[in-house]
Amino acid sequence: MKFGNLVIAGIVTGSIYAVFAVCVAVWYRVSNILNLAVGDFAMVGALGVDNLYRVKGLPLWAAIVTTLAVVGAFSYLYDQVVLRIALDGRRQMEGIVVTFFFTFALSFFIDGVAKMLFGTDVHAAPALWNGASLSWGSLHLERAGLLVLACAVIIGGAFWVYIRYTLGGKALEASGENAVGARIAGIDTKRYRRLIFVGTAVIAAIFGIVESPITGYTYLSGATISLTGFLAAAYGGFRKPGRALVAGLAIGVLEALLGGYVSAEYGDTVLYAILAALVLAWPRGLGFESAVTQ
């Protein structure tokens, strides 16, 4: 059944968009800054594991642990050295400056290092679940796709539970809503910003490892992933991880249906035309105005 398989493919693709949208939305919620480098951490996760496993000969588990440790250490140091000076120094910078200089510049830096380390060819981390596609009658789902969907649900659900039902989640919300008031109340806003920045970087790397067997990655893949995450987060209002996840899934399904029924060649063009029209028609409701004016 063509429609059913298109919907399944769209949900898998949308899960990819959704996870990065959640990462963008959560960090924006705590810091009021858009992280345009989140996709690059996914790229490093995929290409790093591939290189350590295929070229260096490490066991798969050791390649994964090593790559995640490097991503975590690097993101922690970047927050401590760069973002701490930019956001907490004597001359604090506005969020829009940090977004388009420090996180966008970080994206270019990671891309350059990845090009030197991994080259320009398409690579992917080894599949974590091998075997034939899962089938239900005429419906088919790749095992890697099921892992991607499971990761999206687990990550999105974990963030939702953490923010909605835990004291740390309430502190995280307060840090983004009113940083000065949160500090007066005794909340360590810097700690929460660092926790979420490092956490989303590691989560993105994990997702890159899981998802890369489906699409393959190059050193330039990070920018595209960050853009899709940004778009889905925007349609979720930026501050709502749950809505960002749903928006990512919806965009993925719409993209698959347009590709299957309209044109495989021009489906993306039609998709972005629709998304642009929605932004023009309802910018405030979609969160674009609030992000730009921060």
C-alpha atoms as a PDB file:
ATOM      1  CA  MET A   1       0.000   0.000   0.000  1.00  0.00           C
ATOM      2  CA  LYS A   2       1.701   3.136  -1.257  1.00  0.00           C
ATOM      3  CA  PHE A   3       0.016   5.577   1.138  1.00  0.00           C
ATOM      4  CA  GLY A   4       0.848   3.524   4.226  1.00  0.00           C
ATOM      5  CA  ASN A   5       4.503   3.094   3.269  1.00  0.00           C
ATOM      6  CA  LEU A   6       4.787   6.806   2.497  1.00  0.00           C
ATOM      7  CA  VAL A   7       3.382   7.646   5.914  1.00  0.00           C
ATOM      8  CA  ILE A   8       5.835   5.241   7.579  1.00  0.00           C
ATOM      9  CA  ALA A   9       8.752   6.741   5.644  1.00  0.00           C
ATOM     10  CA  GLY A  10       7.518  10.218   6.553  1.00  0.00           C
ATOM     11  CA  ILE A  11       7.287   9.352  10.246  1.00  0.00           C
ATOM     12  CA  VAL A  12      10.872   8.044  10.206  1.00  0.00           C
ATOM     13  CA  THR A  13      12.098  11.168   8.409  1.00  0.00           C
ATOM     14  CA  GLY A  14       9.986  13.333  10.689  1.00  0.00           C
ATOM     15  CA  SER A  15      11.528  11.621  13.716  1.00  0.00           C
ATOM     16  CA  ILE A  16      14.899  12.867  12.522  1.00  0.00           C
ATOM     17  CA  TYR A  17      13.576  16.411  12.254  1.00  0.00           C
ATOM     18  CA  ALA A  18      11.761  16.056  15.565  1.00  0.00           C
ATOM     19  CA  VAL A  19      14.772  15.086  17.674  1.00  0.00           C
ATOM     20  CA  PHE A  20      16.848  18.019  16.490  1.00  0.00           C
ATOM     21  CA  ALA A  21      13.857  20.329  16.880  1.00  0.00           C
ATOM     22  CA  VAL A  22      13.542  19.189  20.498  1.00  0.00           C
ATOM     23  CA  CYS A  23      17.252  19.849  21.097  1.00  0.00           C
ATOM     24  CA  VAL A  24      16.933  23.351  19.623  1.00  0.00           C
ATOM     25  CA  ALA A  25      13.737  24.092  21.580  1.00  0.00           C
ATOM     26  CA  VAL A  26      15.041  22.888  24.950  1.00  0.00           C
ATOM     27  CA  TRP A  27      18.259  24.907  24.780  1.00  0.00           C
ATOM     28  CA  TYR A  28      16.357  27.968  23.550  1.00  0.00           C
ATOM     29  CA  ARG A  29      13.986  27.543  26.473  1.00  0.00           C
ATOM     30  CA  VAL A  30      16.794  27.692  29.025  1.00  0.00           C
ATOM     31  CA  SER A  31      19.051  30.263  27.344  1.00  0.00           C
ATOM     32  CA  ASN A  32      16.940  32.214  24.786  1.00  0.00           C
ATOM     33  CA  ILE A  33      19.596  31.330  22.210  1.00  0.00           C
ATOM     34  CA  LEU A  34      19.193  29.285  19.043  1.00  0.00           C
ATOM     35  CA  ASN A  35      21.844  26.592  18.718  1.00  0.00           C
ATOM     36  CA  LEU A  36      22.706  26.400  15.016  1.00  0.00           C
ATOM     37  CA  ALA A  37      25.435  23.804  15.594  1.00  0.00           C
ATOM     38  CA  VAL A  38      23.309  20.989  16.998  1.00  0.00           C
ATOM     39  CA  GLY A  39      23.336  19.072  13.700  1.00  0.00           C
ATOM     40  CA  ASP A  40      27.125  19.164  13.589  1.00  0.00           C
ATOM     41  CA  PHE A  41      27.295  17.131  16.791  1.00  0.00           C
ATOM     42  CA  ALA A  42      25.162  14.491  15.067  1.00  0.00           C
ATOM     43  CA  MET A  43      27.564  14.512  12.122  1.00  0.00           C
ATOM     44  CA  VAL A  44      30.540  14.092  14.471  1.00  0.00           C
ATOM     45  CA  GLY A  45      28.791  11.204  16.199  1.00  0.00           C
ATOM     46  CA  ALA A  46      28.160   9.356  12.939  1.00  0.00           C
ATOM     47  CA  LEU A  47      31.512   9.990  11.264  1.00  0.00           C
ATOM     48  CA  GLY A  48      33.483   9.595  14.485  1.00  0.00           C
ATOM     49  CA  VAL A  49      32.078   6.128  15.221  1.00  0.00           C
ATOM     50  CA  ASP A  50      32.544   5.101  11.578  1.00  0.00           C
ATOM     51  CA  ASN A  51      36.180   6.213  11.609  1.00  0.00           C
ATOM     52  CA  LEU A  52      37.054   4.608  14.934  1.00  0.00           C
ATOM     53  CA  TYR A  53      35.294   1.346  14.040  1.00  0.00           C
ATOM     54  CA  ARG A  54      36.121   0.968  10.342  1.00  0.00           C
ATOM     55  CA  VAL A  55      39.521   2.683  10.105  1.00  0.00           C
ATOM     56  CA  LYS A  56      41.003   2.472  13.615  1.00  0.00           C
ATOM     57  CA  GLY A  57      39.630  -0.990  14.326  1.00  0.00           C
ATOM     58  CA  LEU A  58      38.058  -0.324  17.727  1.00  0.00           C
ATOM     59  CA  PRO A  59      35.135  -2.477  18.880  1.00  0.00           C
ATOM     60  CA  LEU A  60      31.809  -0.817  18.125  1.00  0.00           C
ATOM     61  CA  TRP A  61      30.959  -0.196  21.778  1.00  0.00           C
ATOM     62  CA  ALA A  62      34.368   1.411  22.385  1.00  0.00           C
ATOM     63  CA  ALA A  63      33.996   3.591  19.272  1.00  0.00           C
ATOM     64  CA  ILE A  64      30.590   4.811  20.481  1.00  0.00           C
ATOM     65  CA  VAL A  65      31.746   5.511  24.045  1.00  0.00           C
ATOM     66  CA  THR A  66      34.884   7.315  22.853  1.00  0.00           C
ATOM     67  CA  THR A  67      32.982   9.474  20.382  1.00  0.00           C
ATOM     68  CA  LEU A  68      30.329  10.453  22.921  1.00  0.00           C
ATOM     69  CA  ALA A  69      33.017  11.263  25.488  1.00  0.00           C
ATOM     70  CA  VAL A  70      34.792  13.551  23.000  1.00  0.00           C
ATOM     71  CA  VAL A  71      31.534  15.306  22.081  1.00  0.00           C
ATOM     72  CA  GLY A  72      30.625  15.786  25.741  1.00  0.00           C
ATOM     73  CA  ALA A  73      34.075  17.097  26.687  1.00  0.00           C
ATOM     74  CA  PHE A  74      34.235  19.465  23.721  1.00  0.00           C
ATOM     75  CA  SER A  75      30.753  20.919  24.310  1.00  0.00           C
ATOM     76  CA  TYR A  76      31.548  21.387  28.014  1.00  0.00           C
ATOM     77  CA  LEU A  77      34.788  23.221  27.233  1.00  0.00           C
ATOM     78  CA  TYR A  78      33.061  25.370  24.590  1.00  0.00           C
ATOM     79  CA  ASP A  79      30.448  26.441  27.104  1.00  0.00           C
ATOM     80  CA  GLN A  80      33.061  27.147  29.776  1.00  0.00           C
ATOM     81  CA  VAL A  81      35.471  29.059  27.553  1.00  0.00           C
ATOM     82  CA  VAL A  82      33.367  30.724  24.843  1.00  0.00           C
ATOM     83  CA  LEU A  83      29.713  30.931  25.891  1.00  0.00           C
ATOM     84  CA  ARG A  84      30.602  31.788  29.458  1.00  0.00           C
ATOM     85  CA  ILE A  85      32.596  34.820  28.301  1.00  0.00           C
ATOM     86  CA  ALA A  86      29.959  35.831  25.743  1.00  0.00           C
ATOM     87  CA  LEU A  87      26.970  35.492  28.070  1.00  0.00           C
ATOM     88  CA  ASP A  88      28.374  35.997  31.561  1.00  0.00           C
ATOM     89  CA  GLY A  89      31.381  38.282  31.022  1.00  0.00           C
ATOM     90  CA  ARG A  90      31.607  41.985  31.735  1.00  0.00           C
ATOM     91  CA  ARG A  91      30.341  42.824  28.253  1.00  0.00           C
ATOM     92  CA  GLN A  92      27.429  40.489  27.886  1.00  0.00           C
ATOM     93  CA  MET A  93      26.227  40.012  24.321  1.00  0.00           C
ATOM     94  CA  GLU A  94      22.672  39.878  23.047  1.00  0.00           C
ATOM     95  CA  GLY A  95      21.167  36.500  22.242  1.00  0.00           C
ATOM     96  CA  ILE A  96      20.898  37.149  18.513  1.00  0.00           C
ATOM     97  CA  VAL A  97      24.646  37.938  18.343  1.00  0.00           C
ATOM     98  CA  VAL A  98      25.528  34.756  20.199  1.00  0.00           C
ATOM     99  CA  THR A  99      23.220  32.754  17.945  1.00  0.00           C
ATOM    100  CA  PHE A 100      24.582  33.917  14.634  1.00  0.00           C
ATOM    101  CA  PHE A 101      28.218  34.286  15.625  1.00  0.00           C
ATOM    102  CA  PHE A 102      29.158  31.884  18.366  1.00  0.00           C
ATOM    103  CA  THR A 103      26.888  28.946  17.473  1.00  0.00           C
ATOM    104  CA  PHE A 104      27.022  29.501  13.697  1.00  0.00           C
ATOM    105  CA  ALA A 105      30.796  29.960  13.851  1.00  0.00           C
ATOM    106  CA  LEU A 106      30.983  26.797  15.935  1.00  0.00           C
ATOM    107  CA  SER A 107      29.189  24.982  13.120  1.00  0.00           C
ATOM    108  CA  PHE A 108      31.769  26.149  10.573  1.00  0.00           C
ATOM    109  CA  PHE A 109      34.617  25.200  12.909  1.00  0.00           C
ATOM    110  CA  ILE A 110      33.279  21.673  13.462  1.00  0.00           C
ATOM    111  CA  ASP A 111      32.724  21.254   9.713  1.00  0.00           C
ATOM    112  CA  GLY A 112      36.317  22.248   8.984  1.00  0.00           C
ATOM    113  CA  VAL A 113      37.774  19.879  11.559  1.00  0.00           C
ATOM    114  CA  ALA A 114      35.516  17.054  10.327  1.00  0.00           C
ATOM    115  CA  LYS A 115      36.675  17.611   6.753  1.00  0.00           C
ATOM    116  CA  MET A 116      40.305  17.248   7.836  1.00  0.00           C
ATOM    117  CA  LEU A 117      39.641  14.170   9.962  1.00  0.00           C
ATOM    118  CA  PHE A 118      37.056  12.267   7.928  1.00  0.00           C
ATOM    119  CA  GLY A 119      37.387  13.559   4.351  1.00  0.00           C
ATOM    120  CA  THR A 120      34.569  14.457   1.987  1.00  0.00           C
ATOM    121  CA  ASP A 121      33.065  11.029   1.220  1.00  0.00           C
ATOM    122  CA  VAL A 122      29.709   9.800   2.497  1.00  0.00           C
ATOM    123  CA  HIS A 123      30.021   7.576   5.567  1.00  0.00           C
ATOM    124  CA  ALA A 124      27.739   6.139   8.230  1.00  0.00           C
ATOM    125  CA  ALA A 125      28.082   4.472  11.582  1.00  0.00           C
ATOM    126  CA  PRO A 126      27.473   0.694  11.496  1.00  0.00           C
ATOM    127  CA  ALA A 127      23.831  -0.318  11.802  1.00  0.00           C
ATOM    128  CA  LEU A 128      22.969  -1.175  15.400  1.00  0.00           C
ATOM    129  CA  TRP A 129      20.177  -3.579  14.399  1.00  0.00           C
ATOM    130  CA  ASN A 130      20.836  -5.630  11.278  1.00  0.00           C
ATOM    131  CA  GLY A 131      18.366  -7.750   9.400  1.00  0.00           C
ATOM    132  CA  ALA A 132      15.580  -7.617   6.849  1.00  0.00           C
ATOM    133  CA  SER A 133      12.888  -4.959   6.955  1.00  0.00           C
ATOM    134  CA  LEU A 134       9.966  -5.561   9.285  1.00  0.00           C
ATOM    135  CA  SER A 135       6.757  -6.222   7.369  1.00  0.00           C
ATOM    136  CA  TRP A 136       3.052  -6.130   8.179  1.00  0.00           C
ATOM    137  CA  GLY A 137       1.221  -7.177   5.032  1.00  0.00           C
ATOM    138  CA  SER A 138       2.141  -4.599   2.399  1.00  0.00           C
ATOM    139  CA  LEU A 139       3.719  -2.223   4.945  1.00  0.00           C
ATOM    140  CA  HIS A 140       7.483  -2.225   5.427  1.00  0.00           C
ATOM    141  CA  LEU A 141       9.759  -0.577   7.978  1.00  0.00           C
ATOM    142  CA  GLU A 142      13.544  -0.793   8.126  1.00  0.00           C
ATOM    143  CA  ARG A 143      14.961  -1.828  11.474  1.00  0.00           C
ATOM    144  CA  ALA A 144      17.130   1.297  11.571  1.00  0.00           C
ATOM    145  CA  GLY A 145      13.984   3.347  10.987  1.00  0.00           C
ATOM    146  CA  LEU A 146      12.290   1.735  13.972  1.00  0.00           C
ATOM    147  CA  LEU A 147      15.315   2.601  16.132  1.00  0.00           C
ATOM    148  CA  VAL A 148      15.131   6.203  14.914  1.00  0.00           C
ATOM    149  CA  LEU A 149      11.437   6.393  15.793  1.00  0.00           C
ATOM    150  CA  ALA A 150      12.044   4.822  19.200  1.00  0.00           C
ATOM    151  CA  CYS A 151      14.844   7.291  19.943  1.00  0.00           C
ATOM    152  CA  ALA A 152      12.624  10.223  18.978  1.00  0.00           C
ATOM    153  CA  VAL A 153       9.803   9.063  21.248  1.00  0.00           C
ATOM    154  CA  ILE A 154      12.133   8.330  24.176  1.00  0.00           C
ATOM    155  CA  ILE A 155      14.068  11.594  23.882  1.00  0.00           C
ATOM    156  CA  GLY A 156      10.983  13.729  23.381  1.00  0.00           C
ATOM    157  CA  GLY A 157       9.120  11.978  26.175  1.00  0.00           C
ATOM    158  CA  ALA A 158      12.059  12.249  28.583  1.00  0.00           C
ATOM    159  CA  PHE A 159      12.367  15.997  28.017  1.00  0.00           C
ATOM    160  CA  TRP A 160       8.607  16.445  28.425  1.00  0.00           C
ATOM    161  CA  VAL A 161       8.536  14.540  31.714  1.00  0.00           C
ATOM    162  CA  TYR A 162      11.659  16.327  32.995  1.00  0.00           C
ATOM    163  CA  ILE A 163      10.340  19.817  32.234  1.00  0.00           C
ATOM    164  CA  ARG A 164       6.765  19.196  33.339  1.00  0.00           C
ATOM    165  CA  TYR A 165       7.166  17.059  36.444  1.00  0.00           C
ATOM    166  CA  THR A 166      10.578  17.679  38.029  1.00  0.00           C
ATOM    167  CA  LEU A 167      11.988  20.461  40.155  1.00  0.00           C
ATOM    168  CA  GLY A 168      14.970  20.702  37.813  1.00  0.00           C
ATOM    169  CA  GLY A 169      12.597  21.176  34.892  1.00  0.00           C
ATOM    170  CA  LYS A 170      10.837  24.042  36.658  1.00  0.00           C
ATOM    171  CA  ALA A 171      14.216  25.631  37.373  1.00  0.00           C
ATOM    172  CA  LEU A 172      15.116  25.212  33.718  1.00  0.00           C
ATOM    173  CA  GLU A 173      11.914  27.008  32.702  1.00  0.00           C
ATOM    174  CA  ALA A 174      12.578  29.813  35.160  1.00  0.00           C
ATOM    175  CA  SER A 175      16.105  30.268  33.793  1.00  0.00           C
ATOM    176  CA  GLY A 176      14.725  30.982  30.337  1.00  0.00           C
ATOM    177  CA  GLU A 177      11.721  33.057  31.377  1.00  0.00           C
ATOM    178  CA  ASN A 178      13.535  35.413  33.751  1.00  0.00           C
ATOM    179  CA  ALA A 179      17.240  34.762  34.298  1.00  0.00           C
ATOM    180  CA  VAL A 180      17.670  37.589  36.817  1.00  0.00           C
ATOM    181  CA  GLY A 181      14.675  36.504  38.860  1.00  0.00           C
ATOM    182  CA  ALA A 182      15.862  32.890  38.741  1.00  0.00           C
ATOM    183  CA  ARG A 183      19.280  33.904  40.108  1.00  0.00           C
ATOM    184  CA  ILE A 184      17.621  35.892  42.909  1.00  0.00           C
ATOM    185  CA  ALA A 185      15.623  32.779  43.770  1.00  0.00           C
ATOM    186  CA  GLY A 186      18.881  30.828  44.069  1.00  0.00           C
ATOM    187  CA  ILE A 187      18.752  28.975  40.736  1.00  0.00           C
ATOM    188  CA  ASP A 188      22.140  28.426  39.101  1.00  0.00           C
ATOM    189  CA  THR A 189      21.158  29.460  35.563  1.00  0.00           C
ATOM    190  CA  LYS A 190      24.695  28.948  34.244  1.00  0.00           C
ATOM    191  CA  ARG A 191      24.656  25.358  35.422  1.00  0.00           C
ATOM    192  CA  TYR A 192      21.363  24.627  33.687  1.00  0.00           C
ATOM    193  CA  ARG A 193      22.545  26.276  30.477  1.00  0.00           C
ATOM    194  CA  ARG A 194      25.704  24.171  30.536  1.00  0.00           C
ATOM    195  CA  LEU A 195      23.782  20.998  31.399  1.00  0.00           C
ATOM    196  CA  ILE A 196      21.366  21.413  28.495  1.00  0.00           C
ATOM    197  CA  PHE A 197      24.060  22.467  26.003  1.00  0.00           C
ATOM    198  CA  VAL A 198      26.219  19.435  26.799  1.00  0.00           C
ATOM    199  CA  GLY A 199      23.206  17.143  27.072  1.00  0.00           C
ATOM    200  CA  THR A 200      21.714  18.120  23.714  1.00  0.00           C
ATOM    201  CA  ALA A 201      25.135  17.803  22.050  1.00  0.00           C
ATOM    202  CA  VAL A 202      25.505  14.225  23.321  1.00  0.00           C
ATOM    203  CA  ILE A 203      21.890  13.394  22.419  1.00  0.00           C
ATOM    204  CA  ALA A 204      22.457  14.735  18.886  1.00  0.00           C
ATOM    205  CA  ALA A 205      25.602  12.601  18.583  1.00  0.00           C
ATOM    206  CA  ILE A 206      23.695   9.501  19.729  1.00  0.00           C
ATOM    207  CA  PHE A 207      20.967  10.180  17.217  1.00  0.00           C
ATOM    208  CA  GLY A 208      23.520  10.693  14.459  1.00  0.00           C
ATOM    209  CA  ILE A 209      24.956   7.259  15.238  1.00  0.00           C
ATOM    210  CA  VAL A 210      21.511   5.627  15.133  1.00  0.00           C
ATOM    211  CA  GLU A 211      20.188   7.497  12.091  1.00  0.00           C
ATOM    212  CA  SER A 212      23.230   7.663   9.793  1.00  0.00           C
ATOM    213  CA  PRO A 213      22.842   4.099   8.391  1.00  0.00           C
ATOM    214  CA  ILE A 214      19.617   5.323   6.735  1.00  0.00           C
ATOM    215  CA  THR A 215      20.842   8.541   5.103  1.00  0.00           C
ATOM    216  CA  GLY A 216      24.651   8.566   5.273  1.00  0.00           C
ATOM    217  CA  TYR A 217      26.606  11.617   6.413  1.00  0.00           C
ATOM    218  CA  THR A 218      29.313  13.900   5.049  1.00  0.00           C
ATOM    219  CA  TYR A 219      31.177  16.645   6.855  1.00  0.00           C
ATOM    220  CA  LEU A 220      28.570  19.113   5.510  1.00  0.00           C
ATOM    221  CA  SER A 221      25.513  17.218   6.755  1.00  0.00           C
ATOM    222  CA  GLY A 222      25.412  19.059  10.064  1.00  0.00           C
ATOM    223  CA  ALA A 223      24.240  22.383   8.606  1.00  0.00           C
ATOM    224  CA  THR A 224      21.284  20.772   6.835  1.00  0.00           C
ATOM    225  CA  ILE A 225      20.271  18.910   9.987  1.00  0.00           C
ATOM    226  CA  SER A 226      20.490  22.101  12.057  1.00  0.00           C
ATOM    227  CA  LEU A 227      18.268  23.895   9.535  1.00  0.00           C
ATOM    228  CA  THR A 228      15.573  21.235   9.642  1.00  0.00           C
ATOM    229  CA  GLY A 229      15.710  21.241  13.432  1.00  0.00           C
ATOM    230  CA  PHE A 230      15.407  25.026  13.448  1.00  0.00           C
ATOM    231  CA  LEU A 231      12.368  24.938  11.151  1.00  0.00           C
ATOM    232  CA  ALA A 232      10.566  22.258  13.128  1.00  0.00           C
ATOM    233  CA  ALA A 233      11.344  24.034  16.413  1.00  0.00           C
ATOM    234  CA  ALA A 234       9.993  27.273  14.957  1.00  0.00           C
ATOM    235  CA  TYR A 235       6.717  25.620  13.986  1.00  0.00           C
ATOM    236  CA  GLY A 236       6.542  24.332  17.539  1.00  0.00           C
ATOM    237  CA  GLY A 237       6.972  27.829  18.961  1.00  0.00           C
ATOM    238  CA  PHE A 238      10.674  27.348  19.902  1.00  0.00           C
ATOM    239  CA  ARG A 239       9.938  27.053  23.643  1.00  0.00           C
ATOM    240  CA  LYS A 240       7.725  23.951  23.405  1.00  0.00           C
ATOM    241  CA  PRO A 241       9.753  20.730  22.957  1.00  0.00           C
ATOM    242  CA  GLY A 242       6.602  18.636  22.725  1.00  0.00           C
ATOM    243  CA  ARG A 243       5.131  20.793  19.982  1.00  0.00           C
ATOM    244  CA  ALA A 244       8.511  20.855  18.231  1.00  0.00           C
ATOM    245  CA  LEU A 245       8.510  17.053  18.178  1.00  0.00           C
ATOM    246  CA  VAL A 246       4.999  16.941  16.684  1.00  0.00           C
ATOM    247  CA  ALA A 247       5.938  19.625  14.143  1.00  0.00           C
ATOM    248  CA  GLY A 248       8.989  17.627  13.067  1.00  0.00           C
ATOM    249  CA  LEU A 249       6.886  14.511  12.560  1.00  0.00           C
ATOM    250  CA  ALA A 250       4.285  16.473  10.584  1.00  0.00           C
ATOM    251  CA  ILE A 251       6.900  18.020   8.297  1.00  0.00           C
ATOM    252  CA  GLY A 252       8.393  14.587   7.633  1.00  0.00           C
ATOM    253  CA  VAL A 253       5.023  13.060   6.714  1.00  0.00           C
ATOM    254  CA  LEU A 254       4.114  16.030   4.497  1.00  0.00           C
ATOM    255  CA  GLU A 255       7.478  15.779   2.756  1.00  0.00           C
ATOM    256  CA  ALA A 256       7.008  12.062   2.059  1.00  0.00           C
ATOM    257  CA  LEU A 257       3.467  12.513   0.735  1.00  0.00           C
ATOM    258  CA  LEU A 258       4.498  15.382  -1.535  1.00  0.00           C
ATOM    259  CA  GLY A 259       7.396  13.331  -2.859  1.00  0.00           C
ATOM    260  CA  GLY A 260       5.176  10.315  -3.477  1.00  0.00           C
ATOM    261  CA  TYR A 261       2.106  12.001  -4.950  1.00  0.00           C
ATOM    262  CA  VAL A 262       3.311  15.334  -6.340  1.00  0.00           C
ATOM    263  CA  SER A 263       6.882  14.947  -7.533  1.00  0.00           C
ATOM    264  CA  ALA A 264       9.929  13.171  -6.194  1.00  0.00           C
ATOM    265  CA  GLU A 265      12.074  15.806  -7.900  1.00  0.00           C
ATOM    266  CA  TYR A 266      10.158  18.902  -6.814  1.00  0.00           C
ATOM    267  CA  GLY A 267       8.594  17.659  -3.587  1.00  0.00           C
ATOM    268  CA  ASP A 268      11.072  19.564  -1.415  1.00  0.00           C
ATOM    269  CA  THR A 269      10.429  22.751  -3.376  1.00  0.00           C
ATOM    270  CA  VAL A 270       6.675  22.470  -2.822  1.00  0.00           C
ATOM    271  CA  LEU A 271       7.224  21.613   0.852  1.00  0.00           C
ATOM    272  CA  TYR A 272       9.320  24.695   1.573  1.00  0.00           C
ATOM    273  CA  ALA A 273       6.883  26.851  -0.380  1.00  0.00           C
ATOM    274  CA  ILE A 274       4.099  25.643   1.923  1.00  0.00           C
ATOM    275  CA  LEU A 275       6.223  26.218   5.034  1.00  0.00           C
ATOM    276  CA  ALA A 276       7.150  29.713   3.855  1.00  0.00           C
ATOM    277  CA  ALA A 277       3.497  30.540   3.169  1.00  0.00           C
ATOM    278  CA  LEU A 278       2.581  29.472   6.720  1.00  0.00           C
ATOM    279  CA  VAL A 279       5.296  31.718   8.149  1.00  0.00           C
ATOM    280  CA  LEU A 280       3.987  34.678   6.139  1.00  0.00           C
ATOM    281  CA  ALA A 281       0.405  33.986   7.167  1.00  0.00           C
ATOM    282  CA  TRP A 282       1.008  33.370  10.872  1.00  0.00           C
ATOM    283  CA  PRO A 283       4.507  34.396  12.070  1.00  0.00           C
ATOM    284  CA  ARG A 284       3.530  35.206  15.645  1.00  0.00           C
ATOM    285  CA  GLY A 285       1.659  31.980  16.201  1.00  0.00           C
ATOM    286  CA  LEU A 286       4.562  29.929  14.848  1.00  0.00           C
ATOM    287  CA  GLY A 287       7.119  31.602  17.092  1.00  0.00           C
ATOM    288  CA  PHE A 288       9.251  33.315  14.462  1.00  0.00           C
ATOM    289  CA  GLU A 289       8.594  36.849  15.696  1.00  0.00           C
ATOM    290  CA  SER A 290       9.426  36.037  19.311  1.00  0.00           C
ATOM    291  CA  ALA A 291      12.723  34.412  18.306  1.00  0.00           C
ATOM    292  CA  VAL A 292      13.860  37.288  16.125  1.00  0.00           C
ATOM    293  CA  THR A 293      13.028  39.942  18.712  1.00  0.00           C
ATOM    294  CA  GLN A 294      14.864  38.272  21.590  1.00  0.00           C
END
